[in-house]
Protein backbone atom coordinates (compact mmCIF):
# COMPACT_ATOMS: atom_id res chain seq x y z
CA MET A 1 14.53 -6.13 -5.52
CA THR A 2 12.63 -5.68 -2.28
CA LYS A 3 10.68 -7.95 0.00
CA GLU A 4 7.21 -9.04 -0.98
CA THR A 5 4.55 -9.18 1.71
CA ILE A 6 1.06 -10.62 1.70
CA PHE A 7 -1.92 -8.84 3.24
CA ARG A 8 -5.07 -10.99 3.43
CA VAL A 9 -8.61 -9.64 3.00
CA ASP A 10 -11.86 -11.51 3.62
CA VAL A 11 -14.49 -9.95 1.35
CA GLN A 12 -17.56 -8.96 3.36
CA PHE A 13 -21.12 -8.49 2.11
CA GLY A 14 -20.81 -4.72 2.60
CA ASP A 15 -17.75 -4.62 0.30
CA CYS A 16 -19.95 -5.53 -2.68
CA ASP A 17 -22.25 -3.53 -4.92
CA PRO A 18 -25.87 -4.53 -5.69
CA ALA A 19 -24.61 -6.90 -8.40
CA GLY A 20 -22.65 -8.84 -5.72
CA ILE A 21 -19.17 -7.89 -6.92
CA VAL A 22 -16.58 -5.94 -4.94
CA PHE A 23 -17.19 -2.21 -5.41
CA PHE A 24 -13.99 -0.95 -7.09
CA PRO A 25 -13.03 1.73 -4.47
CA ASN A 26 -12.61 -1.05 -1.91
CA PHE A 27 -9.64 -2.37 -3.85
CA SER A 28 -7.95 1.02 -3.37
CA ARG A 29 -8.75 0.95 0.35
CA TRP A 30 -7.24 -2.53 0.69
CA MET A 31 -4.21 -1.56 -1.37
CA ASP A 32 -3.62 1.38 0.96
CA ALA A 33 -3.87 -0.91 4.02
CA ALA A 34 -1.47 -3.38 2.35
CA SER A 35 1.02 -0.55 1.77
CA HIS A 36 1.06 0.36 5.46
CA ASP A 37 1.23 -3.32 6.45
CA TYR A 38 4.18 -3.83 4.08
CA PHE A 39 6.39 -1.55 6.15
CA LEU A 40 5.28 -3.15 9.41
CA GLN A 41 6.08 -6.62 8.02
CA CYS A 42 9.51 -5.28 7.00
CA GLY A 43 10.12 -4.51 10.67
CA LEU A 44 9.60 -0.74 10.63
CA PRO A 45 7.50 1.02 13.29
CA PRO A 46 4.26 2.83 12.43
CA TRP A 47 4.97 6.12 10.64
CA ARG A 48 4.27 8.36 13.65
CA GLU A 49 6.74 6.37 15.78
CA ILE A 50 9.83 6.77 13.56
CA ALA A 51 12.04 8.74 15.97
CA SER A 52 14.49 9.92 13.31
CA LEU A 53 11.64 11.52 11.33
CA PRO A 54 9.81 13.83 13.79
CA GLY A 55 6.36 14.72 12.53
CA CYS A 56 6.26 11.83 10.06
CA VAL A 57 2.73 11.36 8.74
CA GLY A 58 3.49 8.55 6.34
CA ALA A 59 3.50 8.27 2.60
CA PRO A 60 0.57 10.00 0.90
CA LEU A 61 -0.47 8.69 -2.50
CA LEU A 62 0.66 10.80 -5.45
CA GLU A 63 -0.39 8.64 -8.38
CA ILE A 64 -2.08 5.30 -8.95
CA HIS A 65 -2.51 3.04 -11.95
CA SER A 66 -4.89 0.11 -11.81
CA ARG A 67 -5.83 -2.75 -14.07
CA PHE A 68 -8.70 -5.11 -13.34
CA HIS A 69 -8.67 -8.64 -14.77
CA THR A 70 -11.72 -10.26 -13.16
CA SER A 71 -14.15 -9.67 -10.30
CA ALA A 72 -14.32 -10.77 -6.68
CA THR A 73 -17.36 -11.34 -4.49
CA TYR A 74 -18.64 -11.87 -0.95
CA GLY A 75 -17.11 -14.73 1.01
CA GLU A 76 -13.85 -14.88 -0.94
CA THR A 77 -10.38 -14.46 0.52
CA LEU A 78 -8.02 -12.22 -1.41
CA ASP A 79 -4.26 -11.93 -0.97
CA ILE A 80 -2.54 -8.63 -1.74
CA HIS A 81 1.10 -9.14 -2.72
CA THR A 82 3.03 -5.92 -2.16
CA SER A 83 6.60 -4.97 -3.06
CA THR A 84 8.51 -1.78 -3.76
CA GLU A 85 9.54 -1.51 -7.41
CA GLU A 86 11.63 1.62 -7.17
CA TRP A 87 13.14 3.95 -4.58
CA ARG A 88 13.81 7.53 -5.55
CA GLY A 89 14.93 10.46 -3.39
CA LYS A 90 11.64 11.35 -1.71
CA VAL A 91 9.36 9.01 -3.63
CA PHE A 92 8.85 5.28 -3.97
CA ILE A 93 6.72 3.12 -6.24
CA GLN A 94 4.91 0.08 -4.94
CA ARG A 95 3.35 -2.78 -6.85
CA HIS A 96 0.24 -4.53 -5.54
CA ARG A 97 -1.13 -7.73 -7.05
CA ILE A 98 -4.51 -8.86 -5.70
CA VAL A 99 -5.12 -12.58 -6.19
CA ARG A 100 -7.70 -15.20 -5.28
CA GLY A 101 -5.76 -18.45 -5.18
CA GLU A 102 -3.95 -18.49 -8.54
CA ALA A 103 -6.36 -16.06 -10.22
CA LEU A 104 -5.12 -12.49 -10.69
CA ILE A 105 -7.96 -10.12 -9.83
CA CYS A 106 -6.22 -6.77 -10.30
CA GLU A 107 -2.90 -4.95 -10.25
CA PHE A 108 -2.01 -1.55 -8.85
CA ARG A 109 1.10 0.56 -9.22
CA ALA A 110 1.20 3.35 -6.64
CA THR A 111 3.60 6.30 -6.33
CA ARG A 112 3.99 7.71 -2.82
CA ALA A 113 6.09 10.41 -1.13
CA LEU A 114 7.45 10.16 2.39
CA CYS A 115 6.17 13.23 4.26
CA ILE A 116 6.45 15.07 7.54
CA LYS A 117 4.13 17.72 8.93
CA GLN A 118 5.93 21.04 9.40
CA ALA A 119 5.34 23.47 12.27
CA ASP A 120 2.99 25.51 10.04
CA GLY A 121 0.88 22.37 9.44
CA LYS A 122 1.92 21.92 5.82
CA LEU A 123 3.22 18.60 4.54
CA LYS A 124 6.76 18.36 3.19
CA ALA A 125 8.29 15.46 1.26
CA VAL A 126 11.59 14.27 2.75
CA GLU A 127 14.39 12.00 1.61
CA ILE A 128 13.68 8.32 2.25
CA PRO A 129 16.18 7.25 4.91
CA GLU A 130 18.62 4.44 4.13
CA PHE A 131 17.44 2.42 7.15
CA MET A 132 13.96 2.30 5.63
CA ARG A 133 15.25 1.11 2.23
CA ALA A 134 17.47 -1.48 3.96
CA ALA A 135 14.59 -2.86 6.03
CA CYS A 136 12.64 -3.48 2.83
CA ALA A 137 15.54 -5.03 0.86
């Protein structure tokens, strides 16, 4: 089991569609921000500053599954609970639960690969270092 972090979002008027509910792509944007924040809260530096991984660009999204339970609207505060479900060689799977108080708004399961940028500009997935896994344990 890994640490669980909370990333807080205050829903703004511009986050909503004409019906007044959060436009669904914003949940993906917030989930992505929560993923980055997760590693910072676990005590790791920003991706580009990890000295043992020169050229590190982060963890691009490979696959995402989402399930919406109810809507959210302007003026609400949402908490995104993030944890890592599984570590594989070059890939990890994170779970994000977006809640308003006790109400579950939606759930995401995201598969990401840890990548560096090679000299030719192409991305390459690399093994997830043990220090990264340990920081999140």
